[in-house]
């Protein structure tokens, strides 16, 4: 997948946003050689497997200016960095328990000139702030994940869905959802993206 193919899914991008997305492969190629944050086979498919996958959340939830979003277990900056490019007036806080990954996030955000990104070497449980939404990319099961972020949500909701979790997951989630005991809504990324990679991918929403 090329940047041009990516842009067909998001036709309203400004020239600045397009340029920032186009910088991602070179930046991640460079930092991945220093600190391995993306698997070797995936770095060649960065736009599809990391950038567009992260932007699946944007298809489900267009974040509003001034909203705050916590990205838990961000790794090298996914889904937080692509979402921060997409929503420059939304505040993003990217955390991970592995410090060297946060260094990559900070360097990439600085190189892109993203003023709406903070990043910290923290576990989710250590974050002492409230947010409108929490995003993440399959860091653990829903049953384990929910207690990490419970109570971290602003009471007042401004968006089309009440404040809560937007969790990128893949495969058959019936058993995992049942085990979690949570009320969820599932949004299938195959409704938005034609690539085969997205056939089993979804955004799971849980009210905060």
N, C-alpha and C. Protein backbone atom coordinates (compact mmCIF):
# COMPACT_ATOMS: atom_id res chain seq x y z
N UNK A 1 0.84 -1.19 0.00
CA UNK A 1 0.00 0.00 0.00
C UNK A 1 0.88 1.25 0.00
N UNK A 2 0.49 2.23 -0.81
CA UNK A 2 1.22 3.49 -0.88
C UNK A 2 0.47 4.58 -0.11
N UNK A 3 1.13 5.71 0.07
CA UNK A 3 0.46 6.83 0.73
C UNK A 3 -0.75 7.28 -0.08
N UNK A 4 -0.65 7.23 -1.43
CA UNK A 4 -1.78 7.65 -2.27
C UNK A 4 -3.00 6.78 -2.03
N UNK A 5 -2.78 5.47 -1.88
CA UNK A 5 -3.90 4.56 -1.58
C UNK A 5 -4.51 4.89 -0.22
N UNK A 6 -3.64 5.19 0.74
CA UNK A 6 -4.11 5.59 2.07
C UNK A 6 -5.00 6.82 1.97
N UNK A 7 -4.56 7.80 1.15
CA UNK A 7 -5.28 9.06 1.07
C UNK A 7 -6.66 8.90 0.43
N UNK A 8 -6.85 7.86 -0.38
CA UNK A 8 -8.18 7.67 -0.99
C UNK A 8 -9.22 7.37 0.09
N UNK A 9 -8.79 6.79 1.19
CA UNK A 9 -9.73 6.50 2.29
C UNK A 9 -10.02 7.74 3.13
N UNK A 10 -9.14 8.73 3.03
CA UNK A 10 -9.30 9.96 3.82
C UNK A 10 -9.05 11.16 2.90
N UNK A 11 -10.02 11.48 2.05
CA UNK A 11 -9.80 12.48 1.00
C UNK A 11 -9.67 13.92 1.52
N UNK A 12 -10.03 14.18 2.76
CA UNK A 12 -10.03 15.57 3.24
C UNK A 12 -8.75 16.02 3.92
N UNK A 13 -7.67 15.27 3.77
CA UNK A 13 -6.43 15.61 4.46
C UNK A 13 -5.81 16.90 3.91
N UNK A 14 -5.23 17.69 4.81
CA UNK A 14 -4.52 18.90 4.38
C UNK A 14 -3.15 18.51 3.82
N UNK A 15 -2.50 19.40 3.08
CA UNK A 15 -1.14 19.11 2.60
C UNK A 15 -0.18 18.78 3.75
N UNK A 16 -0.33 19.45 4.88
CA UNK A 16 0.53 19.16 6.04
C UNK A 16 0.32 17.73 6.52
N UNK A 17 -0.93 17.32 6.65
CA UNK A 17 -1.23 15.95 7.09
C UNK A 17 -0.69 14.92 6.10
N UNK A 18 -0.87 15.19 4.82
CA UNK A 18 -0.36 14.26 3.80
C UNK A 18 1.16 14.12 3.93
N UNK A 19 1.82 15.25 4.10
CA UNK A 19 3.28 15.23 4.23
C UNK A 19 3.71 14.45 5.47
N UNK A 20 2.99 14.63 6.58
CA UNK A 20 3.33 13.90 7.81
C UNK A 20 3.16 12.39 7.62
N UNK A 21 2.08 11.99 6.97
CA UNK A 21 1.90 10.55 6.71
C UNK A 21 3.01 10.02 5.80
N UNK A 22 3.40 10.82 4.81
CA UNK A 22 4.43 10.38 3.87
C UNK A 22 5.80 10.25 4.53
N UNK A 23 6.01 10.96 5.64
CA UNK A 23 7.28 10.87 6.36
C UNK A 23 7.40 9.59 7.20
N UNK A 24 6.29 8.94 7.48
CA UNK A 24 6.30 7.83 8.44
C UNK A 24 7.21 6.66 8.04
N UNK A 25 7.18 6.18 6.77
CA UNK A 25 8.02 5.03 6.45
C UNK A 25 9.51 5.27 6.70
N UNK A 26 9.99 6.44 6.27
CA UNK A 26 11.42 6.74 6.46
C UNK A 26 11.76 6.86 7.95
N UNK A 27 10.90 7.51 8.71
CA UNK A 27 11.15 7.66 10.14
C UNK A 27 11.18 6.31 10.85
N UNK A 28 10.20 5.47 10.56
CA UNK A 28 10.14 4.17 11.24
C UNK A 28 11.23 3.23 10.76
N UNK A 29 11.60 3.34 9.49
CA UNK A 29 12.74 2.54 8.98
C UNK A 29 14.00 2.91 9.77
N UNK A 30 14.21 4.20 9.95
CA UNK A 30 15.40 4.67 10.69
C UNK A 30 15.37 4.19 12.13
N UNK A 31 14.28 4.46 12.83
CA UNK A 31 14.23 4.12 14.26
C UNK A 31 14.13 2.62 14.50
N UNK A 32 13.53 1.90 13.57
CA UNK A 32 13.45 0.45 13.73
C UNK A 32 14.83 -0.19 13.65
N UNK A 33 15.73 0.44 12.91
CA UNK A 33 17.11 -0.07 12.85
C UNK A 33 17.87 0.17 14.15
N UNK A 34 17.46 1.20 14.90
CA UNK A 34 18.11 1.48 16.19
C UNK A 34 17.47 0.66 17.32
N UNK A 35 16.15 0.67 17.33
CA UNK A 35 15.37 0.03 18.41
C UNK A 35 14.23 -0.71 17.73
N UNK A 36 14.23 -2.00 17.81
CA UNK A 36 13.24 -2.79 17.09
C UNK A 36 11.85 -2.63 17.70
N UNK A 37 10.98 -1.86 17.03
CA UNK A 37 9.62 -1.67 17.55
C UNK A 37 8.55 -2.27 16.62
N UNK A 38 8.94 -2.59 15.39
CA UNK A 38 8.01 -3.18 14.42
C UNK A 38 8.70 -4.38 13.80
N UNK A 39 7.96 -5.47 13.64
CA UNK A 39 8.59 -6.67 13.09
C UNK A 39 9.10 -6.40 11.68
N UNK A 40 10.16 -7.09 11.31
CA UNK A 40 10.83 -6.87 10.02
C UNK A 40 9.85 -7.03 8.85
N UNK A 41 8.97 -8.04 8.92
CA UNK A 41 8.05 -8.27 7.80
C UNK A 41 6.97 -7.18 7.73
N UNK A 42 6.65 -6.58 8.89
CA UNK A 42 5.61 -5.56 8.91
C UNK A 42 6.10 -4.17 8.50
N UNK A 43 7.40 -3.91 8.63
CA UNK A 43 7.90 -2.57 8.31
C UNK A 43 7.68 -2.28 6.82
N UNK A 44 7.70 -3.33 5.99
CA UNK A 44 7.46 -3.16 4.55
C UNK A 44 5.99 -2.90 4.25
N UNK A 45 5.13 -3.20 5.22
CA UNK A 45 3.69 -2.99 5.03
C UNK A 45 3.15 -2.01 6.07
N UNK A 46 3.98 -1.00 6.35
CA UNK A 46 3.68 -0.05 7.42
C UNK A 46 2.33 0.63 7.22
N UNK A 47 2.06 1.11 6.00
CA UNK A 47 0.82 1.85 5.77
C UNK A 47 -0.41 0.99 6.03
N UNK A 48 -0.38 -0.25 5.54
CA UNK A 48 -1.57 -1.09 5.70
C UNK A 48 -1.70 -1.62 7.12
N UNK A 49 -0.65 -2.23 7.64
CA UNK A 49 -0.76 -2.98 8.90
C UNK A 49 -0.65 -2.12 10.16
N UNK A 50 -0.13 -0.93 10.01
CA UNK A 50 0.04 -0.07 11.19
C UNK A 50 -0.70 1.25 11.05
N UNK A 51 -0.46 1.97 9.96
CA UNK A 51 -1.06 3.30 9.82
C UNK A 51 -2.56 3.20 9.54
N UNK A 52 -2.93 2.51 8.48
CA UNK A 52 -4.35 2.40 8.14
C UNK A 52 -5.11 1.64 9.23
N UNK A 53 -4.49 0.61 9.79
CA UNK A 53 -5.12 -0.13 10.88
C UNK A 53 -5.44 0.81 12.04
N UNK A 54 -4.47 1.65 12.41
CA UNK A 54 -4.70 2.62 13.48
C UNK A 54 -5.84 3.56 13.14
N UNK A 55 -5.91 3.96 11.87
CA UNK A 55 -6.92 4.92 11.43
C UNK A 55 -8.31 4.30 11.32
N UNK A 56 -8.40 2.99 11.51
CA UNK A 56 -9.72 2.36 11.63
C UNK A 56 -10.52 3.01 12.74
N UNK A 57 -9.83 3.44 13.80
CA UNK A 57 -10.52 4.13 14.91
C UNK A 57 -11.11 5.44 14.42
N UNK A 58 -10.42 6.13 13.51
CA UNK A 58 -10.92 7.40 12.98
C UNK A 58 -12.21 7.21 12.19
N UNK A 59 -12.38 6.04 11.56
CA UNK A 59 -13.61 5.76 10.82
C UNK A 59 -14.79 5.55 11.77
N UNK A 60 -14.50 5.06 12.96
CA UNK A 60 -15.54 4.80 13.96
C UNK A 60 -15.83 6.03 14.80
N UNK A 61 -14.77 6.77 15.14
CA UNK A 61 -14.89 7.90 16.07
C UNK A 61 -14.08 9.09 15.60
N UNK A 62 -14.72 10.08 14.97
CA UNK A 62 -14.00 11.31 14.64
C UNK A 62 -13.85 12.15 15.91
N UNK A 63 -12.65 12.16 16.47
CA UNK A 63 -12.42 12.88 17.72
C UNK A 63 -12.63 14.38 17.51
N UNK A 64 -13.08 15.05 18.56
CA UNK A 64 -13.39 16.47 18.49
C UNK A 64 -12.22 17.31 18.99
N UNK A 65 -12.13 18.56 18.53
CA UNK A 65 -11.11 19.46 19.07
C UNK A 65 -11.25 19.56 20.59
N UNK A 66 -10.10 19.52 21.26
CA UNK A 66 -10.09 19.66 22.72
C UNK A 66 -10.28 18.37 23.49
N UNK A 67 -10.71 17.28 22.82
CA UNK A 67 -10.86 16.02 23.54
C UNK A 67 -9.48 15.46 23.89
N UNK A 68 -9.45 14.65 24.94
CA UNK A 68 -8.22 14.00 25.36
C UNK A 68 -8.30 12.50 25.16
N UNK A 69 -7.25 11.91 24.57
CA UNK A 69 -7.23 10.49 24.25
C UNK A 69 -5.96 9.86 24.83
N UNK A 70 -6.13 8.77 25.55
CA UNK A 70 -5.01 8.01 26.11
C UNK A 70 -4.77 6.78 25.26
N UNK A 71 -3.53 6.59 24.80
CA UNK A 71 -3.16 5.40 24.03
C UNK A 71 -2.33 4.50 24.96
N UNK A 72 -2.89 3.36 25.32
CA UNK A 72 -2.27 2.45 26.28
C UNK A 72 -1.48 1.36 25.55
N UNK A 73 -0.21 1.18 25.94
CA UNK A 73 0.63 0.18 25.28
C UNK A 73 0.90 0.56 23.84
N UNK A 74 1.28 1.81 23.65
CA UNK A 74 1.40 2.38 22.30
C UNK A 74 2.51 1.74 21.46
N UNK A 75 3.48 1.07 22.11
CA UNK A 75 4.59 0.48 21.36
C UNK A 75 5.37 1.58 20.65
N UNK A 76 5.48 1.48 19.35
CA UNK A 76 6.19 2.50 18.58
C UNK A 76 5.34 3.70 18.22
N UNK A 77 4.10 3.74 18.73
CA UNK A 77 3.24 4.90 18.47
C UNK A 77 1.96 4.59 17.74
N UNK A 78 1.46 3.36 17.88
CA UNK A 78 0.23 2.96 17.19
C UNK A 78 -0.80 2.47 18.20
N UNK A 79 -2.02 2.99 18.12
CA UNK A 79 -2.58 3.84 17.07
C UNK A 79 -2.36 5.35 17.25
N UNK A 80 -1.68 5.78 18.32
CA UNK A 80 -1.65 7.19 18.69
C UNK A 80 -1.09 8.14 17.67
N UNK A 81 0.05 7.81 17.04
CA UNK A 81 0.69 8.76 16.11
C UNK A 81 -0.19 9.01 14.87
N UNK A 82 -0.67 7.98 14.17
CA UNK A 82 -1.55 8.26 13.02
C UNK A 82 -2.81 9.04 13.41
N UNK A 83 -3.37 8.73 14.59
CA UNK A 83 -4.57 9.44 15.03
C UNK A 83 -4.25 10.90 15.35
N UNK A 84 -3.07 11.14 15.91
CA UNK A 84 -2.67 12.52 16.23
C UNK A 84 -2.47 13.35 14.95
N UNK A 85 -1.98 12.71 13.89
CA UNK A 85 -1.88 13.40 12.59
C UNK A 85 -3.28 13.71 12.07
N UNK A 86 -4.16 12.74 12.19
CA UNK A 86 -5.53 12.88 11.66
C UNK A 86 -6.34 13.93 12.40
N UNK A 87 -6.10 14.05 13.73
CA UNK A 87 -6.88 14.97 14.56
C UNK A 87 -5.94 15.93 15.30
N UNK A 88 -5.43 16.94 14.60
CA UNK A 88 -4.40 17.82 15.17
C UNK A 88 -4.89 18.68 16.34
N UNK A 89 -6.22 18.80 16.50
CA UNK A 89 -6.75 19.62 17.60
C UNK A 89 -7.22 18.77 18.79
N UNK A 90 -6.94 17.47 18.73
CA UNK A 90 -7.24 16.56 19.85
C UNK A 90 -5.93 16.25 20.56
N UNK A 91 -5.97 16.14 21.88
CA UNK A 91 -4.76 15.90 22.68
C UNK A 91 -4.56 14.39 22.88
N UNK A 92 -3.36 13.91 22.59
CA UNK A 92 -3.06 12.49 22.73
C UNK A 92 -1.93 12.28 23.75
N UNK A 93 -2.14 11.30 24.61
CA UNK A 93 -1.13 10.93 25.62
C UNK A 93 -0.80 9.45 25.38
N UNK A 94 0.42 9.18 24.92
CA UNK A 94 0.84 7.83 24.56
C UNK A 94 1.72 7.26 25.66
N UNK A 95 1.33 6.11 26.20
CA UNK A 95 2.12 5.50 27.29
C UNK A 95 2.46 4.06 26.93
N UNK A 96 3.61 3.62 27.44
CA UNK A 96 4.04 2.24 27.27
C UNK A 96 4.96 1.88 28.44
N UNK A 97 4.95 0.63 28.82
CA UNK A 97 5.78 0.19 29.95
C UNK A 97 7.23 -0.05 29.55
N UNK A 98 7.52 0.05 28.23
CA UNK A 98 8.89 -0.17 27.76
C UNK A 98 9.47 1.18 27.31
N UNK A 99 10.48 1.65 28.05
CA UNK A 99 11.01 2.99 27.86
C UNK A 99 11.59 3.25 26.48
N UNK A 100 12.28 2.26 25.88
CA UNK A 100 12.92 2.52 24.59
C UNK A 100 11.87 2.72 23.49
N UNK A 101 10.68 2.13 23.65
CA UNK A 101 9.62 2.36 22.66
C UNK A 101 9.11 3.79 22.76
N UNK A 102 9.03 4.30 23.98
CA UNK A 102 8.58 5.68 24.17
C UNK A 102 9.59 6.66 23.58
N UNK A 103 10.86 6.32 23.63
CA UNK A 103 11.87 7.17 22.99
C UNK A 103 11.59 7.30 21.49
N UNK A 104 11.24 6.19 20.85
CA UNK A 104 10.90 6.22 19.42
C UNK A 104 9.69 7.13 19.19
N UNK A 105 8.66 6.95 20.02
CA UNK A 105 7.45 7.77 19.89
C UNK A 105 7.80 9.26 19.99
N UNK A 106 8.60 9.61 20.98
CA UNK A 106 8.96 11.02 21.17
C UNK A 106 9.75 11.57 19.99
N UNK A 107 10.67 10.77 19.46
CA UNK A 107 11.47 11.21 18.31
C UNK A 107 10.62 11.36 17.05
N UNK A 108 9.72 10.41 16.83
CA UNK A 108 8.85 10.48 15.65
C UNK A 108 7.92 11.69 15.75
N UNK A 109 7.32 11.88 16.92
CA UNK A 109 6.40 13.01 17.11
C UNK A 109 7.13 14.34 16.90
N UNK A 110 8.37 14.43 17.40
CA UNK A 110 9.16 15.66 17.23
C UNK A 110 9.50 15.89 15.76
N UNK A 111 9.89 14.82 15.06
CA UNK A 111 10.25 14.95 13.64
C UNK A 111 9.06 15.38 12.79
N UNK A 112 7.86 14.96 13.19
CA UNK A 112 6.65 15.31 12.45
C UNK A 112 6.10 16.68 12.86
N UNK A 113 6.64 17.24 13.95
CA UNK A 113 6.14 18.52 14.44
C UNK A 113 4.77 18.42 15.09
N UNK A 114 4.49 17.26 15.69
CA UNK A 114 3.18 17.08 16.33
C UNK A 114 3.17 17.75 17.70
N UNK A 115 2.36 18.80 17.82
CA UNK A 115 2.28 19.55 19.08
C UNK A 115 1.21 18.97 20.01
N UNK A 116 0.43 18.01 19.52
CA UNK A 116 -0.69 17.48 20.30
C UNK A 116 -0.39 16.10 20.89
N UNK A 117 0.89 15.75 20.97
CA UNK A 117 1.29 14.43 21.48
C UNK A 117 2.21 14.58 22.69
N UNK A 118 1.86 13.87 23.76
CA UNK A 118 2.77 13.65 24.89
C UNK A 118 3.02 12.15 24.96
N UNK A 119 4.18 11.77 25.45
CA UNK A 119 4.47 10.35 25.59
C UNK A 119 5.23 10.12 26.89
N UNK A 120 4.93 9.01 27.57
CA UNK A 120 5.58 8.74 28.85
C UNK A 120 5.77 7.24 29.04
N UNK A 121 6.87 6.93 29.74
CA UNK A 121 7.19 5.54 30.10
C UNK A 121 6.42 5.21 31.37
N UNK A 122 5.19 4.75 31.18
CA UNK A 122 4.29 4.45 32.30
C UNK A 122 3.43 3.24 31.97
N UNK A 123 2.99 2.56 33.01
CA UNK A 123 1.93 1.56 32.85
C UNK A 123 0.60 2.30 32.93
N UNK A 124 -0.43 1.73 32.34
CA UNK A 124 -1.75 2.39 32.32
C UNK A 124 -2.22 2.72 33.73
N UNK A 125 -1.97 1.82 34.67
CA UNK A 125 -2.45 2.00 36.05
C UNK A 125 -1.80 3.20 36.72
N UNK A 126 -0.64 3.63 36.22
CA UNK A 126 0.08 4.76 36.83
C UNK A 126 -0.39 6.12 36.32
N UNK A 127 -1.21 6.11 35.30
CA UNK A 127 -1.68 7.37 34.71
C UNK A 127 -2.76 7.96 35.62
N UNK A 128 -2.52 9.17 36.11
CA UNK A 128 -3.44 9.79 37.07
C UNK A 128 -4.13 10.99 36.43
N UNK A 129 -4.84 10.73 35.33
CA UNK A 129 -5.58 11.77 34.62
C UNK A 129 -6.86 11.16 34.09
N UNK A 130 -7.76 12.04 33.64
CA UNK A 130 -8.99 11.55 33.02
C UNK A 130 -9.02 11.96 31.55
N UNK A 131 -9.67 11.14 30.74
CA UNK A 131 -9.69 11.32 29.29
C UNK A 131 -11.11 11.11 28.76
N UNK A 132 -11.30 11.53 27.52
CA UNK A 132 -12.57 11.25 26.86
C UNK A 132 -12.58 9.82 26.32
N UNK A 133 -11.46 9.43 25.73
CA UNK A 133 -11.38 8.08 25.18
C UNK A 133 -10.03 7.45 25.49
N UNK A 134 -10.05 6.12 25.58
CA UNK A 134 -8.82 5.33 25.67
C UNK A 134 -8.76 4.46 24.42
N UNK A 135 -7.62 4.50 23.73
CA UNK A 135 -7.43 3.64 22.56
C UNK A 135 -6.28 2.67 22.82
N UNK A 136 -6.31 1.56 22.12
CA UNK A 136 -5.22 0.59 22.26
C UNK A 136 -5.33 -0.43 21.15
N UNK A 137 -4.22 -1.17 20.98
CA UNK A 137 -4.18 -2.15 19.90
C UNK A 137 -3.84 -3.51 20.48
N UNK A 138 -4.87 -4.19 20.96
CA UNK A 138 -4.75 -5.60 21.35
C UNK A 138 -3.55 -5.91 22.25
N UNK A 139 -3.39 -5.12 23.32
CA UNK A 139 -2.27 -5.40 24.21
C UNK A 139 -2.54 -6.58 25.13
N UNK A 140 -3.82 -6.86 25.40
CA UNK A 140 -4.19 -8.00 26.23
C UNK A 140 -5.68 -8.26 26.02
N UNK A 141 -6.25 -9.19 26.78
CA UNK A 141 -7.68 -9.47 26.65
C UNK A 141 -8.49 -8.32 27.23
N UNK A 142 -9.72 -8.20 26.78
CA UNK A 142 -10.60 -7.15 27.29
C UNK A 142 -10.80 -7.27 28.79
N UNK A 143 -10.91 -8.49 29.27
CA UNK A 143 -11.13 -8.72 30.71
C UNK A 143 -9.98 -8.15 31.54
N UNK A 144 -8.75 -8.30 31.04
CA UNK A 144 -7.58 -7.76 31.75
C UNK A 144 -7.44 -6.26 31.52
N UNK A 145 -7.77 -5.82 30.33
CA UNK A 145 -7.54 -4.43 29.96
C UNK A 145 -8.46 -3.46 30.71
N UNK A 146 -9.73 -3.83 30.82
CA UNK A 146 -10.72 -2.90 31.37
C UNK A 146 -10.34 -2.37 32.76
N UNK A 147 -9.90 -3.21 33.70
CA UNK A 147 -9.55 -2.69 35.03
C UNK A 147 -8.39 -1.69 35.01
N UNK A 148 -7.51 -1.79 34.02
CA UNK A 148 -6.38 -0.85 33.93
C UNK A 148 -6.86 0.58 33.73
N UNK A 149 -7.96 0.75 33.02
CA UNK A 149 -8.39 2.10 32.62
C UNK A 149 -9.72 2.51 33.24
N UNK A 150 -10.33 1.63 33.99
CA UNK A 150 -11.60 1.95 34.64
C UNK A 150 -11.42 3.20 35.52
N UNK A 151 -12.33 4.12 35.44
CA UNK A 151 -12.24 5.33 36.26
C UNK A 151 -11.38 6.44 35.68
N UNK A 152 -10.86 6.23 34.48
CA UNK A 152 -10.00 7.26 33.86
C UNK A 152 -10.75 8.11 32.82
N UNK A 153 -12.08 8.13 32.91
CA UNK A 153 -12.87 8.81 31.88
C UNK A 153 -13.55 10.06 32.43
N UNK A 154 -13.53 11.12 31.62
CA UNK A 154 -14.30 12.32 31.96
C UNK A 154 -15.78 11.97 32.01
N UNK A 155 -16.49 12.60 32.94
CA UNK A 155 -17.92 12.28 33.10
C UNK A 155 -18.76 12.81 31.93
N UNK A 156 -18.43 14.01 31.47
CA UNK A 156 -19.24 14.62 30.41
C UNK A 156 -18.78 14.17 29.03
N UNK A 157 -19.71 13.62 28.26
CA UNK A 157 -19.39 13.17 26.90
C UNK A 157 -19.86 14.20 25.89
N UNK A 158 -19.04 14.43 24.87
CA UNK A 158 -19.40 15.42 23.84
C UNK A 158 -19.57 14.77 22.46
N UNK A 159 -19.17 13.53 22.33
CA UNK A 159 -19.07 12.90 21.01
C UNK A 159 -20.28 12.03 20.70
N UNK A 160 -20.24 11.39 19.52
CA UNK A 160 -21.37 10.58 19.06
C UNK A 160 -21.56 9.32 19.89
N UNK A 161 -20.49 8.82 20.49
CA UNK A 161 -20.57 7.74 21.46
C UNK A 161 -20.13 8.28 22.81
N UNK A 162 -20.71 7.80 23.91
CA UNK A 162 -20.23 8.23 25.22
C UNK A 162 -18.76 7.88 25.40
N UNK A 163 -18.08 8.65 26.24
CA UNK A 163 -16.67 8.40 26.50
C UNK A 163 -16.43 6.93 26.83
N UNK A 164 -15.31 6.39 26.34
CA UNK A 164 -15.04 4.98 26.60
C UNK A 164 -13.80 4.49 25.88
N UNK A 165 -13.73 3.17 25.73
CA UNK A 165 -12.58 2.48 25.14
C UNK A 165 -12.86 2.18 23.67
N UNK A 166 -11.85 2.41 22.82
CA UNK A 166 -11.88 2.01 21.41
C UNK A 166 -10.68 1.10 21.21
N UNK A 167 -10.94 -0.20 21.08
CA UNK A 167 -9.90 -1.22 21.17
C UNK A 167 -9.78 -1.96 19.84
N UNK A 168 -8.62 -1.89 19.20
CA UNK A 168 -8.40 -2.59 17.94
C UNK A 168 -8.10 -4.07 18.21
N UNK A 169 -8.94 -4.94 17.69
CA UNK A 169 -8.76 -6.38 17.89
C UNK A 169 -9.02 -7.11 16.58
N UNK A 170 -8.59 -8.38 16.53
CA UNK A 170 -8.82 -9.19 15.34
C UNK A 170 -9.31 -10.58 15.69
N UNK A 171 -9.91 -11.24 14.71
CA UNK A 171 -10.35 -12.62 14.89
C UNK A 171 -11.73 -12.73 15.52
N UNK A 172 -12.08 -13.95 15.92
CA UNK A 172 -13.37 -14.22 16.54
C UNK A 172 -13.29 -13.86 18.02
N UNK A 173 -14.03 -12.85 18.41
CA UNK A 173 -13.92 -12.33 19.78
C UNK A 173 -15.06 -12.77 20.69
N UNK A 174 -15.93 -13.66 20.19
CA UNK A 174 -17.13 -14.01 20.97
C UNK A 174 -16.78 -14.50 22.37
N UNK A 175 -15.82 -15.42 22.47
CA UNK A 175 -15.47 -15.99 23.78
C UNK A 175 -14.83 -14.93 24.68
N UNK A 176 -13.96 -14.12 24.10
CA UNK A 176 -13.28 -13.08 24.88
C UNK A 176 -14.27 -12.05 25.42
N UNK A 177 -15.22 -11.67 24.59
CA UNK A 177 -16.23 -10.69 25.03
C UNK A 177 -17.11 -11.29 26.12
N UNK A 178 -17.50 -12.54 25.92
CA UNK A 178 -18.33 -13.23 26.93
C UNK A 178 -17.59 -13.30 28.26
N UNK A 179 -16.31 -13.67 28.20
CA UNK A 179 -15.50 -13.82 29.41
C UNK A 179 -15.33 -12.47 30.12
N UNK A 180 -15.28 -11.39 29.36
CA UNK A 180 -15.05 -10.07 29.97
C UNK A 180 -16.26 -9.59 30.76
N UNK A 181 -17.45 -10.06 30.38
CA UNK A 181 -18.68 -9.62 31.04
C UNK A 181 -19.06 -8.18 30.70
N UNK A 182 -18.40 -7.60 29.68
CA UNK A 182 -18.64 -6.20 29.33
C UNK A 182 -19.69 -6.09 28.23
N UNK A 183 -20.41 -4.96 28.24
CA UNK A 183 -21.30 -4.63 27.13
C UNK A 183 -20.46 -3.92 26.07
N UNK A 184 -20.42 -4.47 24.87
CA UNK A 184 -19.56 -3.90 23.84
C UNK A 184 -20.37 -3.63 22.56
N UNK A 185 -19.79 -2.77 21.73
CA UNK A 185 -20.24 -2.63 20.34
C UNK A 185 -19.06 -2.94 19.45
N UNK A 186 -19.31 -3.68 18.38
CA UNK A 186 -18.24 -4.08 17.47
C UNK A 186 -18.42 -3.39 16.12
N UNK A 187 -17.34 -2.76 15.67
CA UNK A 187 -17.33 -2.06 14.37
C UNK A 187 -16.31 -2.77 13.48
N UNK A 188 -16.76 -3.29 12.35
CA UNK A 188 -15.91 -4.11 11.49
C UNK A 188 -15.18 -3.23 10.48
N UNK A 189 -13.84 -3.35 10.45
CA UNK A 189 -13.05 -2.49 9.57
C UNK A 189 -13.21 -2.88 8.10
N UNK A 190 -13.70 -4.09 7.84
CA UNK A 190 -13.96 -4.48 6.45
C UNK A 190 -15.08 -3.64 5.84
N UNK A 191 -15.87 -2.97 6.68
CA UNK A 191 -16.90 -2.05 6.17
C UNK A 191 -16.28 -0.77 5.60
N UNK A 192 -15.03 -0.52 5.98
CA UNK A 192 -14.37 0.73 5.59
C UNK A 192 -13.18 0.54 4.65
N UNK A 193 -12.47 -0.59 4.80
CA UNK A 193 -11.24 -0.83 4.05
C UNK A 193 -11.34 -2.13 3.26
N UNK A 194 -10.91 -2.09 1.99
CA UNK A 194 -11.10 -3.24 1.10
C UNK A 194 -10.02 -4.31 1.24
N UNK A 195 -8.86 -3.95 1.80
CA UNK A 195 -7.73 -4.89 1.85
C UNK A 195 -8.07 -6.14 2.68
N UNK A 196 -7.54 -7.28 2.23
CA UNK A 196 -7.83 -8.56 2.89
C UNK A 196 -7.42 -8.56 4.36
N UNK A 197 -6.36 -7.83 4.68
CA UNK A 197 -5.86 -7.75 6.06
C UNK A 197 -6.97 -7.37 7.05
N UNK A 198 -7.97 -6.59 6.57
CA UNK A 198 -8.99 -6.05 7.48
C UNK A 198 -10.24 -6.93 7.59
N UNK A 199 -10.22 -8.08 6.93
CA UNK A 199 -11.42 -8.94 6.94
C UNK A 199 -11.85 -9.33 8.36
N UNK A 200 -10.88 -9.58 9.24
CA UNK A 200 -11.22 -10.02 10.61
C UNK A 200 -10.95 -8.94 11.65
N UNK A 201 -10.60 -7.74 11.20
CA UNK A 201 -10.21 -6.69 12.15
C UNK A 201 -11.44 -5.86 12.55
N UNK A 202 -11.45 -5.43 13.79
CA UNK A 202 -12.56 -4.62 14.28
C UNK A 202 -12.12 -3.65 15.36
N UNK A 203 -12.98 -2.66 15.59
CA UNK A 203 -12.83 -1.78 16.74
C UNK A 203 -13.91 -2.17 17.73
N UNK A 204 -13.49 -2.52 18.92
CA UNK A 204 -14.44 -2.87 19.98
C UNK A 204 -14.60 -1.65 20.88
N UNK A 205 -15.84 -1.23 21.04
CA UNK A 205 -16.14 -0.07 21.88
C UNK A 205 -16.74 -0.52 23.20
N UNK A 206 -16.22 0.02 24.29
CA UNK A 206 -16.78 -0.24 25.62
C UNK A 206 -17.01 1.12 26.28
N UNK A 207 -18.20 1.34 26.77
CA UNK A 207 -18.48 2.60 27.45
C UNK A 207 -17.63 2.69 28.72
N UNK A 208 -17.09 3.89 28.98
CA UNK A 208 -16.20 4.09 30.12
C UNK A 208 -16.93 4.11 31.45
